[in-house]
């Protein structure tokens, strides 16, 4: 009665079902691992954001690559801003998604080394190629706090490092590039300013990263696994329906014609 499953049509349908099941299971685990990664990242961000600030020189040095374990770590630095070598980073968005610039000002430490400080976002002027209006950095010795970030690269950020930009404009915040321009040792990574707040609220300090939401990855994982479990159920329903239809067709074929009056 079930020999029809050996026909070409049914063999093809069965093979498709057998391929879909492991693919959907794998997609479910892919979404599950993305969920786990997001949870772990949220825990790391919260731990580093709200930990006790440490001197930036304790966690990075010239040429140092900031490891993921130190991303967003609260750090402090004491020194004097060098506005003459300040640069702006193109195509950056404000906290409400307006396009403008980030302002990066070197902070010269007491030992002569430099740490890059992202002071925040400013809007562009009328001419996109002109240096935008930037509030002056505080003068004299200052102590700042911030979040430690790794050097930006095209591979890590997806931002193309364009050449031939206007003077004092860059695409990426990168300590090696700025060390070459400054002629001084620059600590690896950079500091994203969190305090003190600038007078008048400009530059607009970068908001802390989201570490509360976990996205819909777990829901997607469960959805894929439900799809995988539905495939064999659907296959069985189709087989039973085909069997019923064939039985009904066979019964009609053998039924005698009613006698005419």
C-alpha atoms as a PDB file:
ATOM      1  CA  UNK A   1       0.000   0.000   0.000  1.00  0.00           C
ATOM      2  CA  UNK A   2       2.976   2.332   0.559  1.00  0.00           C
ATOM      3  CA  UNK A   3       4.951   1.306  -2.527  1.00  0.00           C
ATOM      4  CA  UNK A   4       4.224   4.714  -4.053  1.00  0.00           C
ATOM      5  CA  UNK A   5       6.956   6.199  -1.795  1.00  0.00           C
ATOM      6  CA  UNK A   6       9.458   4.456  -4.089  1.00  0.00           C
ATOM      7  CA  UNK A   7       8.367   6.488  -7.102  1.00  0.00           C
ATOM      8  CA  UNK A   8      10.697   9.184  -8.430  1.00  0.00           C
ATOM      9  CA  UNK A   9       8.464  11.990  -7.154  1.00  0.00           C
ATOM     10  CA  UNK A  10       8.316  10.628  -3.630  1.00  0.00           C
ATOM     11  CA  UNK A  11      11.997   9.684  -3.501  1.00  0.00           C
ATOM     12  CA  UNK A  12      12.869  13.279  -4.499  1.00  0.00           C
ATOM     13  CA  UNK A  13      10.506  14.686  -1.867  1.00  0.00           C
ATOM     14  CA  UNK A  14      11.988  12.413   0.800  1.00  0.00           C
ATOM     15  CA  UNK A  15      15.546  13.400  -0.097  1.00  0.00           C
ATOM     16  CA  UNK A  16      14.632  17.094   0.135  1.00  0.00           C
ATOM     17  CA  UNK A  17      13.132  16.471   3.582  1.00  0.00           C
ATOM     18  CA  UNK A  18      16.244  14.583   4.721  1.00  0.00           C
ATOM     19  CA  UNK A  19      18.424  17.505   3.627  1.00  0.00           C
ATOM     20  CA  UNK A  20      16.227  20.166   5.234  1.00  0.00           C
ATOM     21  CA  UNK A  21      16.185  18.562   8.691  1.00  0.00           C
ATOM     22  CA  UNK A  22      19.961  18.787   9.465  1.00  0.00           C
ATOM     23  CA  UNK A  23      20.224  22.184   7.752  1.00  0.00           C
ATOM     24  CA  UNK A  24      17.480  23.631   9.966  1.00  0.00           C
ATOM     25  CA  UNK A  25      18.996  22.046  13.074  1.00  0.00           C
ATOM     26  CA  UNK A  26      22.364  23.597  12.210  1.00  0.00           C
ATOM     27  CA  UNK A  27      20.763  27.006  11.633  1.00  0.00           C
ATOM     28  CA  UNK A  28      19.112  26.690  15.036  1.00  0.00           C
ATOM     29  CA  UNK A  29      22.462  26.038  16.735  1.00  0.00           C
ATOM     30  CA  UNK A  30      24.000  28.948  14.813  1.00  0.00           C
ATOM     31  CA  UNK A  31      21.370  31.291  16.254  1.00  0.00           C
ATOM     32  CA  UNK A  32      21.811  29.703  19.690  1.00  0.00           C
ATOM     33  CA  UNK A  33      25.566  30.359  19.620  1.00  0.00           C
ATOM     34  CA  UNK A  34      24.884  33.967  18.562  1.00  0.00           C
ATOM     35  CA  UNK A  35      22.599  34.250  21.606  1.00  0.00           C
ATOM     36  CA  UNK A  36      25.343  32.891  23.869  1.00  0.00           C
ATOM     37  CA  UNK A  37      27.883  35.323  22.364  1.00  0.00           C
ATOM     38  CA  UNK A  38      25.527  38.262  22.931  1.00  0.00           C
ATOM     39  CA  UNK A  39      24.906  37.275  26.552  1.00  0.00           C
ATOM     40  CA  UNK A  40      28.645  36.881  27.199  1.00  0.00           C
ATOM     41  CA  UNK A  41      29.381  40.232  25.558  1.00  0.00           C
ATOM     42  CA  UNK A  42      26.706  41.975  27.632  1.00  0.00           C
ATOM     43  CA  UNK A  43      28.245  40.526  30.799  1.00  0.00           C
ATOM     44  CA  UNK A  44      31.720  41.681  29.725  1.00  0.00           C
ATOM     45  CA  UNK A  45      30.507  45.192  28.905  1.00  0.00           C
ATOM     46  CA  UNK A  46      28.692  45.559  32.230  1.00  0.00           C
ATOM     47  CA  UNK A  47      31.680  44.198  34.173  1.00  0.00           C
ATOM     48  CA  UNK A  48      34.152  46.547  32.495  1.00  0.00           C
ATOM     49  CA  UNK A  49      31.901  49.613  32.438  1.00  0.00           C
ATOM     50  CA  UNK A  50      31.128  49.553  36.128  1.00  0.00           C
ATOM     51  CA  UNK A  51      34.437  48.272  37.427  1.00  0.00           C
ATOM     52  CA  UNK A  52      36.762  50.528  39.373  1.00  0.00           C
ATOM     53  CA  UNK A  53      38.668  52.794  36.915  1.00  0.00           C
ATOM     54  CA  UNK A  54      42.375  52.023  36.592  1.00  0.00           C
ATOM     55  CA  UNK A  55      45.170  54.171  35.105  1.00  0.00           C
ATOM     56  CA  UNK A  56      45.232  53.711  31.351  1.00  0.00           C
ATOM     57  CA  UNK A  57      48.971  53.046  31.485  1.00  0.00           C
ATOM     58  CA  UNK A  58      48.244  49.910  33.561  1.00  0.00           C
ATOM     59  CA  UNK A  59      46.348  48.230  30.730  1.00  0.00           C
ATOM     60  CA  UNK A  60      47.950  49.490  27.512  1.00  0.00           C
ATOM     61  CA  UNK A  61      51.247  50.756  26.119  1.00  0.00           C
ATOM     62  CA  UNK A  62      52.633  51.904  22.755  1.00  0.00           C
ATOM     63  CA  UNK A  63      52.069  49.221  20.131  1.00  0.00           C
ATOM     64  CA  UNK A  64      49.732  47.268  22.432  1.00  0.00           C
ATOM     65  CA  UNK A  65      46.704  45.550  20.932  1.00  0.00           C
ATOM     66  CA  UNK A  66      43.761  45.897  23.302  1.00  0.00           C
ATOM     67  CA  UNK A  67      42.298  42.411  23.889  1.00  0.00           C
ATOM     68  CA  UNK A  68      38.560  41.822  23.907  1.00  0.00           C
ATOM     69  CA  UNK A  69      38.672  41.211  27.664  1.00  0.00           C
ATOM     70  CA  UNK A  70      39.645  44.890  28.131  1.00  0.00           C
ATOM     71  CA  UNK A  71      37.094  46.417  25.736  1.00  0.00           C
ATOM     72  CA  UNK A  72      35.068  49.193  27.441  1.00  0.00           C
ATOM     73  CA  UNK A  73      37.200  48.962  30.568  1.00  0.00           C
ATOM     74  CA  UNK A  74      36.961  52.059  32.772  1.00  0.00           C
ATOM     75  CA  UNK A  75      40.288  53.905  32.767  1.00  0.00           C
ATOM     76  CA  UNK A  76      41.716  57.248  33.867  1.00  0.00           C
ATOM     77  CA  UNK A  77      44.449  59.453  32.418  1.00  0.00           C
ATOM     78  CA  UNK A  78      46.125  62.654  33.566  1.00  0.00           C
ATOM     79  CA  UNK A  79      47.879  64.973  31.154  1.00  0.00           C
ATOM     80  CA  UNK A  80      47.622  67.988  28.881  1.00  0.00           C
ATOM     81  CA  UNK A  81      45.594  68.115  25.665  1.00  0.00           C
ATOM     82  CA  UNK A  82      47.474  68.795  22.426  1.00  0.00           C
ATOM     83  CA  UNK A  83      44.896  70.672  20.292  1.00  0.00           C
ATOM     84  CA  UNK A  84      47.446  71.362  17.541  1.00  0.00           C
ATOM     85  CA  UNK A  85      47.344  67.682  16.566  1.00  0.00           C
ATOM     86  CA  UNK A  86      43.626  67.167  17.069  1.00  0.00           C
ATOM     87  CA  UNK A  87      41.819  65.310  14.243  1.00  0.00           C
ATOM     88  CA  UNK A  88      38.205  64.617  13.385  1.00  0.00           C
ATOM     89  CA  UNK A  89      36.849  61.251  12.268  1.00  0.00           C
ATOM     90  CA  UNK A  90      34.506  61.407   9.300  1.00  0.00           C
ATOM     91  CA  UNK A  91      31.081  59.772   8.890  1.00  0.00           C
ATOM     92  CA  UNK A  92      30.286  59.222  12.570  1.00  0.00           C
ATOM     93  CA  UNK A  93      26.779  59.382  14.001  1.00  0.00           C
ATOM     94  CA  UNK A  94      25.486  61.123  17.091  1.00  0.00           C
ATOM     95  CA  UNK A  95      23.420  59.405  19.761  1.00  0.00           C
ATOM     96  CA  UNK A  96      20.300  60.253  17.732  1.00  0.00           C
ATOM     97  CA  UNK A  97      21.823  59.071  14.413  1.00  0.00           C
ATOM     98  CA  UNK A  98      22.824  62.412  12.887  1.00  0.00           C
ATOM     99  CA  UNK A  99      25.927  62.232  10.698  1.00  0.00           C
ATOM    100  CA  UNK A 100      28.937  64.300  11.663  1.00  0.00           C
ATOM    101  CA  UNK A 101      32.427  63.865  13.142  1.00  0.00           C
ATOM    102  CA  UNK A 102      34.093  62.414  16.216  1.00  0.00           C
ATOM    103  CA  UNK A 103      36.755  64.652  17.764  1.00  0.00           C
ATOM    104  CA  UNK A 104      39.992  62.896  18.727  1.00  0.00           C
ATOM    105  CA  UNK A 105      42.462  64.949  20.748  1.00  0.00           C
ATOM    106  CA  UNK A 106      45.869  63.645  21.894  1.00  0.00           C
ATOM    107  CA  UNK A 107      46.392  63.797  25.654  1.00  0.00           C
ATOM    108  CA  UNK A 108      50.096  64.089  26.527  1.00  0.00           C
ATOM    109  CA  UNK A 109      50.843  62.237  29.754  1.00  0.00           C
ATOM    110  CA  UNK A 110      53.406  63.256  32.329  1.00  0.00           C
ATOM    111  CA  UNK A 111      56.030  60.857  30.934  1.00  0.00           C
ATOM    112  CA  UNK A 112      55.671  62.222  27.378  1.00  0.00           C
ATOM    113  CA  UNK A 113      53.612  59.360  26.057  1.00  0.00           C
ATOM    114  CA  UNK A 114      50.253  60.086  24.426  1.00  0.00           C
ATOM    115  CA  UNK A 115      46.794  58.592  24.693  1.00  0.00           C
ATOM    116  CA  UNK A 116      44.142  59.393  22.089  1.00  0.00           C
ATOM    117  CA  UNK A 117      40.897  60.724  23.582  1.00  0.00           C
ATOM    118  CA  UNK A 118      37.651  60.569  21.620  1.00  0.00           C
ATOM    119  CA  UNK A 119      35.961  63.626  23.100  1.00  0.00           C
ATOM    120  CA  UNK A 120      32.664  62.968  21.302  1.00  0.00           C
ATOM    121  CA  UNK A 121      30.522  63.976  18.336  1.00  0.00           C
ATOM    122  CA  UNK A 122      30.113  67.331  16.592  1.00  0.00           C
ATOM    123  CA  UNK A 123      27.995  68.222  13.543  1.00  0.00           C
ATOM    124  CA  UNK A 124      29.618  69.122  10.255  1.00  0.00           C
ATOM    125  CA  UNK A 125      29.684  72.626   8.869  1.00  0.00           C
ATOM    126  CA  UNK A 126      28.368  73.912   5.551  1.00  0.00           C
ATOM    127  CA  UNK A 127      31.372  72.524   3.663  1.00  0.00           C
ATOM    128  CA  UNK A 128      31.798  68.766   4.275  1.00  0.00           C
ATOM    129  CA  UNK A 129      35.486  68.976   3.338  1.00  0.00           C
ATOM    130  CA  UNK A 130      36.233  71.820   5.749  1.00  0.00           C
ATOM    131  CA  UNK A 131      37.318  71.247   9.329  1.00  0.00           C
ATOM    132  CA  UNK A 132      34.116  71.463  11.413  1.00  0.00           C
ATOM    133  CA  UNK A 133      33.560  73.874  14.303  1.00  0.00           C
ATOM    134  CA  UNK A 134      35.012  72.073  17.334  1.00  0.00           C
ATOM    135  CA  UNK A 135      34.839  73.355  20.922  1.00  0.00           C
ATOM    136  CA  UNK A 136      38.318  73.801  22.345  1.00  0.00           C
ATOM    137  CA  UNK A 137      39.672  71.130  24.654  1.00  0.00           C
ATOM    138  CA  UNK A 138      40.316  72.172  28.277  1.00  0.00           C
ATOM    139  CA  UNK A 139      43.686  73.795  28.804  1.00  0.00           C
ATOM    140  CA  UNK A 140      46.201  72.905  31.480  1.00  0.00           C
ATOM    141  CA  UNK A 141      46.553  69.572  33.213  1.00  0.00           C
ATOM    142  CA  UNK A 142      43.352  67.536  33.337  1.00  0.00           C
ATOM    143  CA  UNK A 143      42.316  64.136  34.616  1.00  0.00           C
ATOM    144  CA  UNK A 144      39.825  62.319  32.427  1.00  0.00           C
ATOM    145  CA  UNK A 145      37.946  59.043  32.650  1.00  0.00           C
ATOM    146  CA  UNK A 146      36.759  56.950  29.781  1.00  0.00           C
ATOM    147  CA  UNK A 147      36.144  53.576  28.190  1.00  0.00           C
ATOM    148  CA  UNK A 148      39.150  51.809  26.678  1.00  0.00           C
ATOM    149  CA  UNK A 149      38.625  50.863  23.029  1.00  0.00           C
ATOM    150  CA  UNK A 150      40.788  48.951  20.570  1.00  0.00           C
ATOM    151  CA  UNK A 151      42.364  50.587  17.540  1.00  0.00           C
ATOM    152  CA  UNK A 152      39.982  50.745  14.597  1.00  0.00           C
ATOM    153  CA  UNK A 153      40.953  48.918  11.412  1.00  0.00           C
ATOM    154  CA  UNK A 154      39.194  48.507   8.087  1.00  0.00           C
ATOM    155  CA  UNK A 155      38.957  44.754   8.671  1.00  0.00           C
ATOM    156  CA  UNK A 156      37.443  45.092  12.111  1.00  0.00           C
ATOM    157  CA  UNK A 157      35.131  48.038  11.468  1.00  0.00           C
ATOM    158  CA  UNK A 158      34.218  47.607   7.812  1.00  0.00           C
ATOM    159  CA  UNK A 159      35.169  51.265   7.218  1.00  0.00           C
ATOM    160  CA  UNK A 160      37.407  51.874   4.224  1.00  0.00           C
ATOM    161  CA  UNK A 161      40.490  53.884   5.164  1.00  0.00           C
ATOM    162  CA  UNK A 162      40.336  56.443   2.366  1.00  0.00           C
ATOM    163  CA  UNK A 163      43.358  58.437   1.278  1.00  0.00           C
ATOM    164  CA  UNK A 164      43.521  62.043   0.136  1.00  0.00           C
ATOM    165  CA  UNK A 165      41.250  63.374   2.887  1.00  0.00           C
ATOM    166  CA  UNK A 166      41.211  67.047   3.890  1.00  0.00           C
ATOM    167  CA  UNK A 167      43.776  68.147   6.426  1.00  0.00           C
ATOM    168  CA  UNK A 168      43.261  66.748   9.972  1.00  0.00           C
ATOM    169  CA  UNK A 169      40.419  64.431   8.877  1.00  0.00           C
ATOM    170  CA  UNK A 170      40.663  60.654   9.196  1.00  0.00           C
ATOM    171  CA  UNK A 171      38.409  57.651   8.697  1.00  0.00           C
ATOM    172  CA  UNK A 172      39.647  55.511  11.589  1.00  0.00           C
ATOM    173  CA  UNK A 173      40.856  56.034  15.149  1.00  0.00           C
ATOM    174  CA  UNK A 174      44.191  54.246  15.085  1.00  0.00           C
ATOM    175  CA  UNK A 175      47.080  54.786  17.488  1.00  0.00           C
ATOM    176  CA  UNK A 176      49.769  53.669  15.027  1.00  0.00           C
ATOM    177  CA  UNK A 177      48.626  56.139  12.406  1.00  0.00           C
ATOM    178  CA  UNK A 178      48.554  58.988  14.912  1.00  0.00           C
ATOM    179  CA  UNK A 179      51.942  57.992  16.360  1.00  0.00           C
ATOM    180  CA  UNK A 180      53.438  58.426  12.894  1.00  0.00           C
ATOM    181  CA  UNK A 181      51.825  61.857  12.591  1.00  0.00           C
ATOM    182  CA  UNK A 182      52.817  62.984  16.089  1.00  0.00           C
ATOM    183  CA  UNK A 183      56.309  61.554  16.184  1.00  0.00           C
ATOM    184  CA  UNK A 184      55.646  60.442  19.762  1.00  0.00           C
ATOM    185  CA  UNK A 185      54.844  57.078  21.418  1.00  0.00           C
ATOM    186  CA  UNK A 186      51.067  56.613  21.512  1.00  0.00           C
ATOM    187  CA  UNK A 187      49.352  54.081  23.758  1.00  0.00           C
ATOM    188  CA  UNK A 188      47.592  51.307  21.871  1.00  0.00           C
ATOM    189  CA  UNK A 189      43.848  51.782  21.507  1.00  0.00           C
ATOM    190  CA  UNK A 190      42.106  54.948  22.589  1.00  0.00           C
ATOM    191  CA  UNK A 191      39.975  56.380  25.375  1.00  0.00           C
ATOM    192  CA  UNK A 192      36.274  57.144  24.807  1.00  0.00           C
ATOM    193  CA  UNK A 193      35.587  60.079  27.123  1.00  0.00           C
ATOM    194  CA  UNK A 194      33.025  59.666  29.920  1.00  0.00           C
ATOM    195  CA  UNK A 195      34.093  62.522  32.206  1.00  0.00           C
ATOM    196  CA  UNK A 196      34.289  65.298  32.956  1.00  0.00           C
ATOM    197  CA  UNK A 197      31.407  66.384  30.756  1.00  0.00           C
ATOM    198  CA  UNK A 198      32.314  69.151  28.305  1.00  0.00           C
ATOM    199  CA  UNK A 199      31.001  72.636  28.938  1.00  0.00           C
ATOM    200  CA  UNK A 200      27.784  73.262  27.028  1.00  0.00           C
ATOM    201  CA  UNK A 201      27.422  69.572  26.194  1.00  0.00           C
ATOM    202  CA  UNK A 202      29.628  69.763  23.080  1.00  0.00           C
ATOM    203  CA  UNK A 203      31.245  67.635  21.842  1.00  0.00           C
ATOM    204  CA  UNK A 204      28.426  65.184  22.572  1.00  0.00           C
ATOM    205  CA  UNK A 205      29.971  62.285  24.480  1.00  0.00           C
ATOM    206  CA  UNK A 206      29.487  58.851  22.955  1.00  0.00           C
ATOM    207  CA  UNK A 207      26.748  56.863  24.701  1.00  0.00           C
ATOM    208  CA  UNK A 208      27.752  53.693  26.495  1.00  0.00           C
ATOM    209  CA  UNK A 209      27.220  50.495  24.500  1.00  0.00           C
ATOM    210  CA  UNK A 210      23.951  48.622  24.823  1.00  0.00           C
ATOM    211  CA  UNK A 211      24.368  45.727  27.237  1.00  0.00           C
ATOM    212  CA  UNK A 212      20.741  45.036  28.214  1.00  0.00           C
ATOM    213  CA  UNK A 213      19.098  43.672  25.084  1.00  0.00           C
ATOM    214  CA  UNK A 214      19.911  40.152  23.903  1.00  0.00           C
ATOM    215  CA  UNK A 215      18.133  40.255  20.561  1.00  0.00           C
ATOM    216  CA  UNK A 216      15.875  37.576  19.118  1.00  0.00           C
ATOM    217  CA  UNK A 217      18.554  34.949  18.477  1.00  0.00           C
ATOM    218  CA  UNK A 218      17.108  32.436  20.961  1.00  0.00           C
ATOM    219  CA  UNK A 219      13.649  32.832  19.460  1.00  0.00           C
ATOM    220  CA  UNK A 220      15.108  32.256  15.993  1.00  0.00           C
ATOM    221  CA  UNK A 221      16.924  29.137  17.233  1.00  0.00           C
ATOM    222  CA  UNK A 222      13.712  27.649  18.633  1.00  0.00           C
ATOM    223  CA  UNK A 223      11.922  28.581  15.418  1.00  0.00           C
ATOM    224  CA  UNK A 224      14.449  26.697  13.275  1.00  0.00           C
ATOM    225  CA  UNK A 225      14.251  23.637  15.513  1.00  0.00           C
ATOM    226  CA  UNK A 226      10.458  23.679  15.301  1.00  0.00           C
ATOM    227  CA  UNK A 227      10.740  23.846  11.521  1.00  0.00           C
ATOM    228  CA  UNK A 228      13.095  20.850  11.613  1.00  0.00           C
ATOM    229  CA  UNK A 229      10.638  18.838  13.718  1.00  0.00           C
ATOM    230  CA  UNK A 230       7.766  19.827  11.417  1.00  0.00           C
ATOM    231  CA  UNK A 231       9.439  18.380   8.313  1.00  0.00           C
ATOM    232  CA  UNK A 232       9.000  14.666   9.221  1.00  0.00           C
ATOM    233  CA  UNK A 233       5.490  15.379  10.524  1.00  0.00           C
ATOM    234  CA  UNK A 234       4.595  17.091   7.267  1.00  0.00           C
ATOM    235  CA  UNK A 235       6.120  14.235   5.270  1.00  0.00           C
ATOM    236  CA  UNK A 236       4.026  11.704   7.204  1.00  0.00           C
ATOM    237  CA  UNK A 237       0.851  13.747   6.679  1.00  0.00           C
ATOM    238  CA  UNK A 238       1.486  13.856   2.941  1.00  0.00           C
ATOM    239  CA  UNK A 239       2.120  10.092   2.827  1.00  0.00           C
ATOM    240  CA  UNK A 240      -1.126   9.324   4.649  1.00  0.00           C
ATOM    241  CA  UNK A 241      -3.057  11.710   2.406  1.00  0.00           C
ATOM    242  CA  UNK A 242      -1.557  10.091  -0.704  1.00  0.00           C
ATOM    243  CA  UNK A 243      -2.445   6.629   0.619  1.00  0.00           C
ATOM    244  CA  UNK A 244      -6.026   7.709   1.283  1.00  0.00           C
ATOM    245  CA  UNK A 245      -6.391   9.274  -2.142  1.00  0.00           C
ATOM    246  CA  UNK A 246      -5.044   6.150  -3.824  1.00  0.00           C
ATOM    247  CA  UNK A 247      -7.402   3.922  -1.833  1.00  0.00           C
ATOM    248  CA  UNK A 248     -10.378   6.076  -2.785  1.00  0.00           C
ATOM    249  CA  UNK A 249      -9.346   6.037  -6.451  1.00  0.00           C
ATOM    250  CA  UNK A 250      -8.935   2.248  -6.369  1.00  0.00           C
ATOM    251  CA  UNK A 251     -12.349   1.780  -4.728  1.00  0.00           C
ATOM    252  CA  UNK A 252     -14.011   3.854  -7.418  1.00  0.00           C
ATOM    253  CA  UNK A 253     -12.247   1.898 -10.134  1.00  0.00           C
ATOM    254  CA  UNK A 254     -13.669  -1.491  -8.968  1.00  0.00           C
ATOM    255  CA  UNK A 255     -17.190  -0.285  -8.082  1.00  0.00           C
ATOM    256  CA  UNK A 256     -19.848  -1.699 -10.571  1.00  0.00           C
ATOM    257  CA  UNK A 257     -21.846   0.762 -12.626  1.00  0.00           C
ATOM    258  CA  UNK A 258     -25.449   1.082 -11.335  1.00  0.00           C
ATOM    259  CA  UNK A 259     -28.040  -0.699 -13.578  1.00  0.00           C
ATOM    260  CA  UNK A 260     -30.086   1.559 -15.848  1.00  0.00           C
ATOM    261  CA  UNK A 261     -33.821   1.774 -15.276  1.00  0.00           C
END
